[in-house]
Amino acid sequence: MRIVILMEVFVTLEGLAGLDRQDVRVGEAYELVRAEERHRVAGLKRIRRIALGEIVSLVFENRETIRATLEEALRTERIDDPDRVAGEIAAFNAVVPGEGQLAAMLFIEVADPADLNAAATRLEGIERAVFIDIGGSRVRGVPEAVSPPGESAPAHFLRFSLQPDQRSAMLQGAGVDHPNLAVSAQFDEEQRRAIAADL
């Protein structure tokens, strides 16, 4: 059994339009497409997943993956009241990438639940040690304390603010320079194209 947890880090590139009510399927409209949609979004996330060592991974988010998470949250909570749906959309729009930013979630994954606390302690502060490599220069994420929609515990939201010249430079990879984990990974061509398509 594989336990996935810990810190979810949203790293946000170029501004995506926020979600509005006609973008979000609720109730029966979502149930009709749910299986196909979950399969499609799993494919999107697979391409956007970057392994940073053996137990840390970074999953770059975009408007589509955030919308899918919102639709699942509405389904799980059985929310279909228009006012409550509007409130959830507004909350999720806070994590849709803004102009000149890039967004991702950082996961710490351990096989044995007993190892989770030790891994979390060993990697304390990792949310301040994540960077992306753009055109040969590092852009470090700046953490903000937020509670992402659908999460009961605080998570770490990182903003990677890019300069105009960096927005057109080649996305090369991502990494961590934590005292207990120093690793970097290059994007493959499929990952580079998928993430750059959001710019």
N, C-alpha and C. Protein backbone atom coordinates (compact mmCIF):
# COMPACT_ATOMS: atom_id res chain seq x y z
N MET A 1 0.85 -1.18 0.00
CA MET A 1 0.00 0.00 0.00
C MET A 1 0.89 1.24 0.00
N ARG A 2 0.54 2.24 -0.76
CA ARG A 2 1.32 3.48 -0.87
C ARG A 2 0.51 4.61 -0.27
N ILE A 3 1.07 5.30 0.70
CA ILE A 3 0.41 6.43 1.34
C ILE A 3 0.90 7.71 0.68
N VAL A 4 -0.03 8.54 0.27
CA VAL A 4 0.32 9.81 -0.37
C VAL A 4 -0.13 10.91 0.55
N ILE A 5 0.76 11.84 0.86
CA ILE A 5 0.37 12.97 1.67
C ILE A 5 1.39 14.05 1.72
N LEU A 6 1.07 14.79 2.66
CA LEU A 6 1.78 15.74 3.40
C LEU A 6 1.51 17.10 2.93
N MET A 7 2.44 17.62 2.18
CA MET A 7 2.28 19.01 1.83
C MET A 7 1.78 19.11 0.43
N GLU A 8 0.80 19.89 0.25
CA GLU A 8 0.38 20.22 -1.10
C GLU A 8 0.87 21.61 -1.35
N VAL A 9 1.68 21.76 -2.37
CA VAL A 9 2.24 23.05 -2.70
C VAL A 9 1.70 23.47 -4.04
N PHE A 10 1.06 24.59 -4.08
CA PHE A 10 0.61 25.12 -5.36
C PHE A 10 1.67 26.08 -5.84
N VAL A 11 2.22 25.78 -6.97
CA VAL A 11 3.20 26.65 -7.57
C VAL A 11 2.51 27.19 -8.81
N THR A 12 2.26 28.41 -8.96
CA THR A 12 1.53 28.83 -10.11
C THR A 12 2.31 29.45 -11.20
N LEU A 13 2.23 29.35 -14.19
CA LEU A 13 2.88 30.30 -15.07
C LEU A 13 1.87 31.29 -15.61
N GLU A 14 1.72 31.52 -16.69
CA GLU A 14 0.99 32.65 -17.29
C GLU A 14 -0.50 32.56 -16.95
N GLY A 15 -1.13 33.73 -16.83
CA GLY A 15 -2.48 33.80 -16.31
C GLY A 15 -3.52 33.02 -17.08
N LEU A 16 -4.23 32.19 -16.38
CA LEU A 16 -5.33 31.44 -16.96
C LEU A 16 -6.63 32.10 -16.52
N ALA A 17 -7.62 32.06 -17.36
CA ALA A 17 -8.92 32.62 -17.00
C ALA A 17 -9.51 31.83 -15.84
N GLY A 18 -10.13 32.52 -14.92
CA GLY A 18 -10.77 31.85 -13.80
C GLY A 18 -11.97 31.03 -14.25
N LEU A 19 -12.41 30.17 -13.36
CA LEU A 19 -13.58 29.34 -13.64
C LEU A 19 -14.84 30.15 -13.40
N ASP A 20 -15.86 29.92 -14.20
CA ASP A 20 -17.16 30.49 -13.89
C ASP A 20 -18.21 29.38 -13.93
N ARG A 21 -19.44 29.72 -13.62
CA ARG A 21 -20.47 28.69 -13.40
C ARG A 21 -20.67 27.78 -14.61
N GLN A 22 -20.61 28.32 -15.84
CA GLN A 22 -20.84 27.45 -17.00
C GLN A 22 -19.69 26.48 -17.26
N ASP A 23 -18.54 26.69 -16.61
CA ASP A 23 -17.40 25.78 -16.77
C ASP A 23 -17.53 24.55 -15.88
N VAL A 24 -18.37 24.61 -14.87
CA VAL A 24 -18.40 23.59 -13.82
C VAL A 24 -19.66 22.75 -13.91
N ARG A 25 -19.46 21.43 -14.00
CA ARG A 25 -20.59 20.49 -14.06
C ARG A 25 -20.92 20.01 -12.66
N VAL A 26 -22.22 20.01 -12.36
CA VAL A 26 -22.69 19.66 -11.02
C VAL A 26 -23.77 18.59 -11.14
N GLY A 27 -23.87 17.73 -10.15
CA GLY A 27 -24.93 16.73 -10.10
C GLY A 27 -24.90 15.78 -11.28
N GLU A 28 -26.06 15.57 -11.91
CA GLU A 28 -26.19 14.60 -13.00
C GLU A 28 -25.30 14.96 -14.19
N ALA A 29 -25.14 16.25 -14.46
CA ALA A 29 -24.29 16.67 -15.59
C ALA A 29 -22.87 16.17 -15.40
N TYR A 30 -22.38 16.17 -14.16
CA TYR A 30 -21.03 15.66 -13.90
C TYR A 30 -21.02 14.14 -13.89
N GLU A 31 -22.04 13.52 -13.29
CA GLU A 31 -22.07 12.05 -13.22
C GLU A 31 -22.00 11.42 -14.61
N LEU A 32 -22.63 12.06 -15.60
CA LEU A 32 -22.65 11.51 -16.96
C LEU A 32 -21.27 11.45 -17.60
N VAL A 33 -20.36 12.32 -17.18
CA VAL A 33 -19.03 12.38 -17.80
C VAL A 33 -17.91 12.02 -16.83
N ARG A 34 -18.25 11.67 -15.60
CA ARG A 34 -17.26 11.52 -14.54
C ARG A 34 -16.18 10.50 -14.86
N ALA A 35 -16.54 9.31 -15.27
CA ALA A 35 -15.54 8.27 -15.52
C ALA A 35 -14.55 8.69 -16.59
N GLU A 36 -15.08 9.21 -17.68
CA GLU A 36 -14.21 9.66 -18.78
C GLU A 36 -13.35 10.85 -18.33
N GLU A 37 -13.94 11.76 -17.59
CA GLU A 37 -13.22 12.95 -17.13
C GLU A 37 -12.09 12.58 -16.18
N ARG A 38 -12.35 11.67 -15.25
CA ARG A 38 -11.31 11.26 -14.30
C ARG A 38 -10.14 10.60 -15.03
N HIS A 39 -10.45 9.81 -16.05
CA HIS A 39 -9.40 9.17 -16.85
C HIS A 39 -8.58 10.23 -17.59
N ARG A 40 -9.25 11.21 -18.17
CA ARG A 40 -8.57 12.27 -18.92
C ARG A 40 -7.66 13.09 -18.00
N VAL A 41 -8.17 13.47 -16.84
CA VAL A 41 -7.40 14.30 -15.91
C VAL A 41 -6.24 13.51 -15.32
N ALA A 42 -6.42 12.21 -15.09
CA ALA A 42 -5.31 11.38 -14.61
C ALA A 42 -4.18 11.41 -15.63
N GLY A 43 -4.51 11.40 -16.91
CA GLY A 43 -3.49 11.50 -17.96
C GLY A 43 -2.79 12.84 -17.93
N LEU A 44 -3.55 13.92 -17.73
CA LEU A 44 -2.94 15.25 -17.62
C LEU A 44 -1.97 15.31 -16.45
N LYS A 45 -2.38 14.77 -15.31
CA LYS A 45 -1.53 14.82 -14.13
C LYS A 45 -0.31 13.92 -14.28
N ARG A 46 -0.46 12.80 -14.96
CA ARG A 46 0.68 11.90 -15.16
C ARG A 46 1.78 12.62 -15.91
N ILE A 47 1.42 13.34 -16.96
CA ILE A 47 2.41 14.07 -17.76
C ILE A 47 3.06 15.17 -16.93
N ARG A 48 2.31 15.78 -16.03
CA ARG A 48 2.77 16.93 -15.26
C ARG A 48 3.46 16.57 -13.96
N ARG A 49 3.64 15.28 -13.70
CA ARG A 49 4.26 14.82 -12.45
C ARG A 49 5.77 14.71 -12.62
N ILE A 50 6.51 15.36 -11.73
CA ILE A 50 7.97 15.35 -11.74
C ILE A 50 8.44 14.71 -10.44
N ALA A 51 9.19 13.62 -10.54
CA ALA A 51 9.75 12.97 -9.35
C ALA A 51 11.00 13.73 -8.91
N LEU A 52 11.02 14.09 -7.65
CA LEU A 52 12.18 14.77 -7.07
C LEU A 52 12.72 13.87 -5.96
N GLY A 53 13.52 12.91 -6.33
CA GLY A 53 13.99 11.91 -5.38
C GLY A 53 13.00 10.77 -5.28
N GLU A 54 13.17 9.97 -4.23
CA GLU A 54 12.36 8.75 -4.09
C GLU A 54 11.00 9.00 -3.48
N ILE A 55 10.85 10.03 -2.63
CA ILE A 55 9.56 10.20 -1.94
C ILE A 55 8.91 11.56 -2.17
N VAL A 56 9.49 12.39 -2.99
CA VAL A 56 8.93 13.71 -3.24
C VAL A 56 8.58 13.85 -4.71
N SER A 57 7.41 14.38 -4.98
CA SER A 57 7.04 14.65 -6.37
C SER A 57 6.30 15.98 -6.45
N LEU A 58 6.38 16.57 -7.62
CA LEU A 58 5.77 17.86 -7.90
C LEU A 58 4.81 17.66 -9.06
N VAL A 59 3.55 18.06 -8.88
CA VAL A 59 2.55 17.92 -9.94
C VAL A 59 2.08 19.31 -10.34
N PHE A 60 2.40 19.70 -11.57
CA PHE A 60 2.00 21.01 -12.05
C PHE A 60 0.51 21.03 -12.37
N GLU A 61 -0.14 22.06 -11.87
CA GLU A 61 -1.58 22.20 -12.04
C GLU A 61 -1.89 23.19 -13.16
N ASN A 62 -3.08 23.06 -13.72
CA ASN A 62 -3.59 24.05 -14.66
C ASN A 62 -5.09 24.20 -14.43
N ARG A 63 -5.71 25.00 -15.22
CA ARG A 63 -7.13 25.27 -15.05
C ARG A 63 -7.96 23.99 -15.12
N GLU A 64 -7.60 23.07 -16.01
CA GLU A 64 -8.37 21.83 -16.17
C GLU A 64 -8.25 20.93 -14.94
N THR A 65 -7.06 20.79 -14.40
CA THR A 65 -6.90 19.92 -13.23
C THR A 65 -7.59 20.53 -12.01
N ILE A 66 -7.54 21.85 -11.90
CA ILE A 66 -8.21 22.51 -10.79
C ILE A 66 -9.73 22.38 -10.92
N ARG A 67 -10.25 22.52 -12.15
CA ARG A 67 -11.69 22.36 -12.37
C ARG A 67 -12.13 20.93 -12.00
N ALA A 68 -11.32 19.95 -12.37
CA ALA A 68 -11.65 18.56 -12.06
C ALA A 68 -11.70 18.33 -10.55
N THR A 69 -10.77 18.92 -9.82
CA THR A 69 -10.76 18.80 -8.37
C THR A 69 -12.00 19.45 -7.78
N LEU A 70 -12.39 20.60 -8.31
CA LEU A 70 -13.60 21.29 -7.86
C LEU A 70 -14.84 20.42 -8.10
N GLU A 71 -14.97 19.86 -9.30
CA GLU A 71 -16.15 19.04 -9.60
C GLU A 71 -16.23 17.82 -8.69
N GLU A 72 -15.08 17.22 -8.40
CA GLU A 72 -15.07 16.07 -7.48
C GLU A 72 -15.45 16.51 -6.06
N ALA A 73 -14.97 17.68 -5.65
CA ALA A 73 -15.30 18.18 -4.31
C ALA A 73 -16.80 18.46 -4.20
N LEU A 74 -17.37 19.06 -5.22
CA LEU A 74 -18.82 19.31 -5.21
C LEU A 74 -19.60 18.01 -5.14
N ARG A 75 -19.14 17.00 -5.87
CA ARG A 75 -19.80 15.69 -5.85
C ARG A 75 -19.70 15.05 -4.47
N THR A 76 -18.49 15.06 -3.90
CA THR A 76 -18.26 14.44 -2.59
C THR A 76 -19.11 15.09 -1.51
N GLU A 77 -19.18 16.41 -1.55
CA GLU A 77 -19.93 17.16 -0.54
C GLU A 77 -21.42 17.28 -0.88
N ARG A 78 -21.81 16.74 -2.04
CA ARG A 78 -23.20 16.80 -2.50
C ARG A 78 -23.71 18.24 -2.55
N ILE A 79 -22.89 19.11 -3.10
CA ILE A 79 -23.25 20.53 -3.21
C ILE A 79 -23.84 20.78 -4.58
N ASP A 80 -25.09 21.28 -4.60
CA ASP A 80 -25.70 21.67 -5.87
C ASP A 80 -26.48 22.98 -5.75
N ASP A 81 -26.55 23.52 -4.53
CA ASP A 81 -27.19 24.81 -4.33
C ASP A 81 -26.39 25.88 -5.08
N PRO A 82 -27.03 26.69 -5.93
CA PRO A 82 -26.29 27.67 -6.75
C PRO A 82 -25.39 28.61 -5.95
N ASP A 83 -25.85 29.06 -4.79
CA ASP A 83 -25.03 29.97 -3.99
C ASP A 83 -23.79 29.27 -3.43
N ARG A 84 -23.96 28.04 -2.98
CA ARG A 84 -22.81 27.29 -2.46
C ARG A 84 -21.85 26.92 -3.58
N VAL A 85 -22.38 26.56 -4.75
CA VAL A 85 -21.52 26.28 -5.90
C VAL A 85 -20.71 27.51 -6.24
N ALA A 86 -21.35 28.68 -6.26
CA ALA A 86 -20.65 29.93 -6.56
C ALA A 86 -19.55 30.20 -5.55
N GLY A 87 -19.81 29.92 -4.29
CA GLY A 87 -18.79 30.10 -3.25
C GLY A 87 -17.60 29.18 -3.45
N GLU A 88 -17.87 27.93 -3.82
CA GLU A 88 -16.77 26.98 -4.08
C GLU A 88 -15.96 27.39 -5.31
N ILE A 89 -16.64 27.87 -6.34
CA ILE A 89 -15.93 28.33 -7.53
C ILE A 89 -15.01 29.49 -7.17
N ALA A 90 -15.49 30.42 -6.37
CA ALA A 90 -14.67 31.56 -5.97
C ALA A 90 -13.45 31.08 -5.18
N ALA A 91 -13.63 30.10 -4.30
CA ALA A 91 -12.51 29.58 -3.51
C ALA A 91 -11.48 28.90 -4.40
N PHE A 92 -11.94 28.11 -5.36
CA PHE A 92 -11.01 27.41 -6.25
C PHE A 92 -10.32 28.37 -7.21
N ASN A 93 -10.99 29.45 -7.57
CA ASN A 93 -10.35 30.43 -8.46
C ASN A 93 -9.11 31.05 -7.83
N ALA A 94 -9.04 31.03 -6.49
CA ALA A 94 -7.86 31.57 -5.81
C ALA A 94 -6.60 30.78 -6.13
N VAL A 95 -6.73 29.54 -6.61
CA VAL A 95 -5.55 28.74 -6.93
C VAL A 95 -5.35 28.53 -8.43
N VAL A 96 -6.21 29.12 -9.25
CA VAL A 96 -5.98 29.10 -10.70
C VAL A 96 -4.78 29.99 -10.97
N PRO A 97 -3.79 29.53 -11.74
CA PRO A 97 -2.58 30.34 -11.97
C PRO A 97 -2.89 31.75 -12.45
N GLY A 98 -2.17 32.70 -11.89
CA GLY A 98 -2.32 34.09 -12.27
C GLY A 98 -1.30 34.48 -13.32
N GLU A 99 -1.41 35.68 -13.80
CA GLU A 99 -0.50 36.15 -14.85
C GLU A 99 0.93 36.19 -14.33
N GLY A 100 1.85 35.61 -15.12
CA GLY A 100 3.26 35.61 -14.76
C GLY A 100 3.64 34.66 -13.65
N GLN A 101 2.82 33.64 -13.41
CA GLN A 101 3.08 32.67 -12.35
C GLN A 101 3.01 31.24 -12.88
N LEU A 102 3.56 30.28 -12.13
CA LEU A 102 3.44 28.86 -12.44
C LEU A 102 2.92 28.12 -11.21
N ALA A 103 2.02 27.00 -11.27
CA ALA A 103 1.41 26.35 -10.09
C ALA A 103 1.61 24.84 -10.03
N ALA A 104 1.95 24.32 -8.85
CA ALA A 104 2.13 22.87 -8.70
C ALA A 104 1.82 22.44 -7.28
N MET A 105 1.63 21.16 -7.08
CA MET A 105 1.45 20.62 -5.74
C MET A 105 2.63 19.70 -5.45
N LEU A 106 3.16 19.84 -4.25
CA LEU A 106 4.28 19.02 -3.79
C LEU A 106 3.75 17.92 -2.89
N PHE A 107 4.13 16.68 -3.19
CA PHE A 107 3.69 15.54 -2.40
C PHE A 107 4.88 14.83 -1.79
N ILE A 108 4.72 14.39 -0.55
CA ILE A 108 5.66 13.46 0.06
C ILE A 108 4.93 12.14 0.15
N GLU A 109 5.53 11.10 -0.42
CA GLU A 109 4.88 9.79 -0.53
C GLU A 109 5.75 8.74 0.15
N VAL A 110 5.15 8.01 1.06
CA VAL A 110 5.87 6.92 1.73
C VAL A 110 5.05 5.64 1.66
N ALA A 111 5.73 4.52 1.59
CA ALA A 111 5.05 3.23 1.48
C ALA A 111 4.43 2.80 2.80
N ASP A 112 5.07 3.12 3.91
CA ASP A 112 4.61 2.69 5.22
C ASP A 112 4.14 3.90 6.02
N PRO A 113 2.87 3.90 6.48
CA PRO A 113 2.35 5.05 7.24
C PRO A 113 3.21 5.39 8.46
N ALA A 114 3.87 4.40 9.03
CA ALA A 114 4.71 4.65 10.20
C ALA A 114 5.90 5.55 9.86
N ASP A 115 6.26 5.60 8.57
CA ASP A 115 7.41 6.42 8.14
C ASP A 115 7.03 7.86 7.83
N LEU A 116 5.75 8.15 7.79
CA LEU A 116 5.31 9.47 7.35
C LEU A 116 5.78 10.59 8.27
N ASN A 117 5.62 10.42 9.58
CA ASN A 117 6.02 11.46 10.51
C ASN A 117 7.52 11.71 10.45
N ALA A 118 8.29 10.64 10.34
CA ALA A 118 9.74 10.80 10.25
C ALA A 118 10.14 11.53 8.98
N ALA A 119 9.47 11.20 7.85
CA ALA A 119 9.77 11.87 6.58
C ALA A 119 9.40 13.34 6.67
N ALA A 120 8.25 13.64 7.26
CA ALA A 120 7.82 15.03 7.40
C ALA A 120 8.79 15.82 8.26
N THR A 121 9.27 15.22 9.33
CA THR A 121 10.23 15.90 10.21
C THR A 121 11.55 16.12 9.49
N ARG A 122 12.02 15.11 8.80
CA ARG A 122 13.31 15.20 8.08
C ARG A 122 13.26 16.26 6.99
N LEU A 123 12.08 16.45 6.38
CA LEU A 123 11.95 17.40 5.27
C LEU A 123 11.20 18.67 5.67
N GLU A 124 11.17 18.96 6.96
CA GLU A 124 10.50 20.17 7.42
C GLU A 124 11.07 21.39 6.69
N GLY A 125 10.19 22.25 6.20
CA GLY A 125 10.61 23.44 5.49
C GLY A 125 10.86 23.23 4.01
N ILE A 126 10.57 22.05 3.50
CA ILE A 126 10.83 21.76 2.09
C ILE A 126 10.08 22.71 1.16
N GLU A 127 8.94 23.23 1.63
CA GLU A 127 8.15 24.13 0.78
C GLU A 127 8.90 25.42 0.46
N ARG A 128 9.94 25.73 1.22
CA ARG A 128 10.76 26.92 0.94
C ARG A 128 12.01 26.57 0.13
N ALA A 129 12.14 25.32 -0.27
CA ALA A 129 13.36 24.87 -0.95
C ALA A 129 13.10 24.40 -2.38
N VAL A 130 11.89 24.61 -2.89
CA VAL A 130 11.54 24.15 -4.24
C VAL A 130 11.82 25.27 -5.24
N PHE A 131 12.38 24.89 -6.37
CA PHE A 131 12.65 25.88 -7.42
C PHE A 131 12.32 25.29 -8.77
N ILE A 132 12.15 26.16 -9.75
CA ILE A 132 12.04 25.73 -11.13
C ILE A 132 13.22 26.32 -11.88
N ASP A 133 13.66 25.62 -12.90
CA ASP A 133 14.80 26.04 -13.72
C ASP A 133 14.26 26.53 -15.05
N ILE A 134 14.47 27.81 -15.31
CA ILE A 134 13.97 28.42 -16.54
C ILE A 134 15.13 29.11 -17.23
N GLY A 135 15.46 28.64 -18.42
CA GLY A 135 16.53 29.25 -19.19
C GLY A 135 17.86 29.27 -18.46
N GLY A 136 18.09 28.28 -17.60
CA GLY A 136 19.35 28.20 -16.88
C GLY A 136 19.38 28.98 -15.57
N SER A 137 18.31 29.65 -15.20
CA SER A 137 18.27 30.35 -13.92
C SER A 137 17.17 29.75 -13.04
N ARG A 138 17.40 29.78 -11.74
CA ARG A 138 16.44 29.24 -10.79
C ARG A 138 15.44 30.30 -10.36
N VAL A 139 14.18 29.90 -10.32
CA VAL A 139 13.12 30.76 -9.79
C VAL A 139 12.54 30.02 -8.59
N ARG A 140 12.74 30.60 -7.43
CA ARG A 140 12.31 29.96 -6.19
C ARG A 140 10.87 30.32 -5.87
N GLY A 141 10.15 29.35 -5.35
CA GLY A 141 8.78 29.61 -4.92
C GLY A 141 8.75 30.37 -3.60
N VAL A 142 7.79 31.24 -3.46
CA VAL A 142 7.59 31.98 -2.21
C VAL A 142 6.33 31.42 -1.56
N PRO A 143 6.46 30.76 -0.41
CA PRO A 143 5.28 30.14 0.21
C PRO A 143 4.34 31.15 0.83
N GLU A 144 3.07 30.84 0.74
CA GLU A 144 2.03 31.59 1.41
C GLU A 144 1.20 30.58 2.17
N ALA A 145 0.82 30.91 3.38
CA ALA A 145 -0.01 30.00 4.17
C ALA A 145 -1.46 30.12 3.71
N VAL A 146 -1.98 29.05 3.12
CA VAL A 146 -3.37 29.01 2.69
C VAL A 146 -3.92 27.63 2.98
N SER A 147 -5.23 27.52 2.98
CA SER A 147 -5.88 26.22 3.04
C SER A 147 -6.57 26.00 1.71
N PRO A 148 -6.01 25.15 0.85
CA PRO A 148 -6.64 24.92 -0.45
C PRO A 148 -8.05 24.39 -0.28
N PRO A 149 -8.93 24.72 -1.20
CA PRO A 149 -10.30 24.20 -1.13
C PRO A 149 -10.29 22.68 -1.05
N GLY A 150 -11.11 22.14 -0.16
CA GLY A 150 -11.21 20.70 -0.02
C GLY A 150 -10.19 20.11 0.94
N GLU A 151 -9.30 20.94 1.50
CA GLU A 151 -8.29 20.46 2.44
C GLU A 151 -8.61 21.00 3.83
N SER A 152 -8.56 20.13 4.83
CA SER A 152 -8.87 20.57 6.17
C SER A 152 -7.65 21.16 6.86
N ALA A 153 -6.46 20.70 6.51
CA ALA A 153 -5.24 21.20 7.14
C ALA A 153 -4.59 22.25 6.24
N PRO A 154 -3.87 23.20 6.85
CA PRO A 154 -3.18 24.18 6.03
C PRO A 154 -2.19 23.49 5.09
N ALA A 155 -2.04 24.04 3.92
CA ALA A 155 -1.07 23.55 2.95
C ALA A 155 -0.17 24.71 2.59
N HIS A 156 0.84 24.43 1.82
CA HIS A 156 1.77 25.47 1.43
C HIS A 156 1.56 25.83 -0.02
N PHE A 157 1.27 27.09 -0.23
CA PHE A 157 1.06 27.61 -1.58
C PHE A 157 2.30 28.41 -1.95
N LEU A 158 2.95 28.03 -3.06
CA LEU A 158 4.13 28.74 -3.52
C LEU A 158 3.82 29.50 -4.78
N ARG A 159 4.27 30.72 -4.84
CA ARG A 159 4.17 31.50 -6.07
C ARG A 159 5.54 31.62 -6.68
N PHE A 160 5.65 31.18 -7.92
CA PHE A 160 6.87 31.36 -8.70
C PHE A 160 6.59 32.50 -9.66
N SER A 161 7.00 33.69 -9.29
CA SER A 161 6.74 34.86 -10.12
C SER A 161 7.85 35.00 -11.15
N LEU A 162 7.45 35.04 -12.41
CA LEU A 162 8.41 35.08 -13.51
C LEU A 162 8.48 36.45 -14.13
N GLN A 163 9.69 36.85 -14.47
CA GLN A 163 9.90 38.09 -15.22
C GLN A 163 9.47 37.87 -16.67
N PRO A 164 9.12 38.93 -17.38
CA PRO A 164 8.68 38.77 -18.77
C PRO A 164 9.64 37.96 -19.64
N ASP A 165 10.95 38.18 -19.51
CA ASP A 165 11.90 37.42 -20.33
C ASP A 165 11.93 35.95 -19.93
N GLN A 166 11.66 35.64 -18.66
CA GLN A 166 11.64 34.25 -18.22
C GLN A 166 10.42 33.51 -18.76
N ARG A 167 9.33 34.23 -19.00
CA ARG A 167 8.10 33.59 -19.48
C ARG A 167 8.28 33.01 -20.87
N SER A 168 9.22 33.55 -21.64
CA SER A 168 9.45 33.03 -22.98
C SER A 168 10.67 32.12 -23.05
N ALA A 169 11.38 31.96 -21.92
CA ALA A 169 12.57 31.10 -21.90
C ALA A 169 12.15 29.63 -21.78
N MET A 170 13.07 28.74 -22.06
CA MET A 170 12.76 27.31 -22.01
C MET A 170 12.63 26.80 -20.58
N LEU A 171 11.53 26.12 -20.31
CA LEU A 171 11.36 25.44 -19.03
C LEU A 171 12.27 24.22 -19.04
N GLN A 172 13.20 24.16 -18.09
CA GLN A 172 14.15 23.07 -18.10
C GLN A 172 13.87 21.99 -17.08
N GLY A 173 13.45 22.38 -15.89
CA GLY A 173 13.22 21.37 -14.87
C GLY A 173 12.81 21.99 -13.55
N ALA A 174 12.88 21.18 -12.51
CA ALA A 174 12.52 21.61 -11.16
C ALA A 174 13.44 20.91 -10.18
N GLY A 175 13.50 21.43 -8.98
CA GLY A 175 14.36 20.80 -7.99
C GLY A 175 14.07 21.26 -6.59
N VAL A 176 14.85 20.69 -5.67
CA VAL A 176 14.77 20.99 -4.25
C VAL A 176 16.20 21.14 -3.75
N ASP A 177 16.46 22.18 -2.95
CA ASP A 177 17.78 22.31 -2.33
C ASP A 177 17.64 22.42 -0.81
N HIS A 178 16.97 21.42 -0.24
CA HIS A 178 16.76 21.30 1.20
C HIS A 178 18.00 20.65 1.81
N PRO A 179 18.37 20.97 3.07
CA PRO A 179 19.54 20.33 3.68
C PRO A 179 19.50 18.80 3.67
N ASN A 180 18.31 18.22 3.73
CA ASN A 180 18.19 16.77 3.73
C ASN A 180 17.74 16.18 2.40
N LEU A 181 17.60 17.02 1.40
CA LEU A 181 17.24 16.54 0.06
C LEU A 181 17.68 17.57 -0.97
N ALA A 182 18.70 17.23 -1.72
CA ALA A 182 19.16 18.10 -2.80
C ALA A 182 19.04 17.30 -4.09
N VAL A 183 18.08 17.68 -4.93
CA VAL A 183 17.82 16.92 -6.15
C VAL A 183 17.21 17.85 -7.19
N SER A 184 17.49 17.54 -8.44
CA SER A 184 16.83 18.26 -9.52
C SER A 184 16.45 17.26 -10.60
N ALA A 185 15.46 17.61 -11.38
CA ALA A 185 14.98 16.73 -12.45
C ALA A 185 14.69 17.58 -13.68
N GLN A 186 15.07 17.08 -14.82
CA GLN A 186 14.81 17.76 -16.08
C GLN A 186 13.42 17.38 -16.59
N PHE A 187 12.72 18.33 -17.17
CA PHE A 187 11.47 18.02 -17.84
C PHE A 187 11.78 17.26 -19.11
N ASP A 188 10.98 16.23 -19.42
CA ASP A 188 11.13 15.63 -20.74
C ASP A 188 10.33 16.48 -21.72
N GLU A 189 10.42 16.16 -22.99
CA GLU A 189 9.80 17.02 -23.99
C GLU A 189 8.28 17.08 -23.83
N GLU A 190 7.66 15.95 -23.47
CA GLU A 190 6.21 15.93 -23.28
C GLU A 190 5.81 16.83 -22.11
N GLN A 191 6.56 16.75 -21.02
CA GLN A 191 6.28 17.60 -19.86
C GLN A 191 6.48 19.07 -20.19
N ARG A 192 7.55 19.38 -20.89
CA ARG A 192 7.84 20.75 -21.26
C ARG A 192 6.72 21.34 -22.11
N ARG A 193 6.25 20.56 -23.07
CA ARG A 193 5.17 21.04 -23.93
C ARG A 193 3.88 21.25 -23.16
N ALA A 194 3.56 20.29 -22.27
CA ALA A 194 2.30 20.38 -21.51
C ALA A 194 2.29 21.59 -20.60
N ILE A 195 3.38 21.82 -19.90
CA ILE A 195 3.43 22.95 -18.97
C ILE A 195 3.51 24.27 -19.73
N ALA A 196 4.30 24.31 -20.79
CA ALA A 196 4.44 25.54 -21.59
C ALA A 196 3.13 25.91 -22.26
N ALA A 197 2.27 24.93 -22.54
CA ALA A 197 0.98 25.22 -23.20
C ALA A 197 0.09 26.09 -22.32
N ASP A 198 0.34 26.13 -21.03
CA ASP A 198 -0.46 26.95 -20.11
C ASP A 198 -0.01 28.39 -20.06
N LEU A 199 1.12 28.69 -20.66
CA LEU A 199 1.67 30.05 -20.56
C LEU A 199 0.84 31.06 -21.32
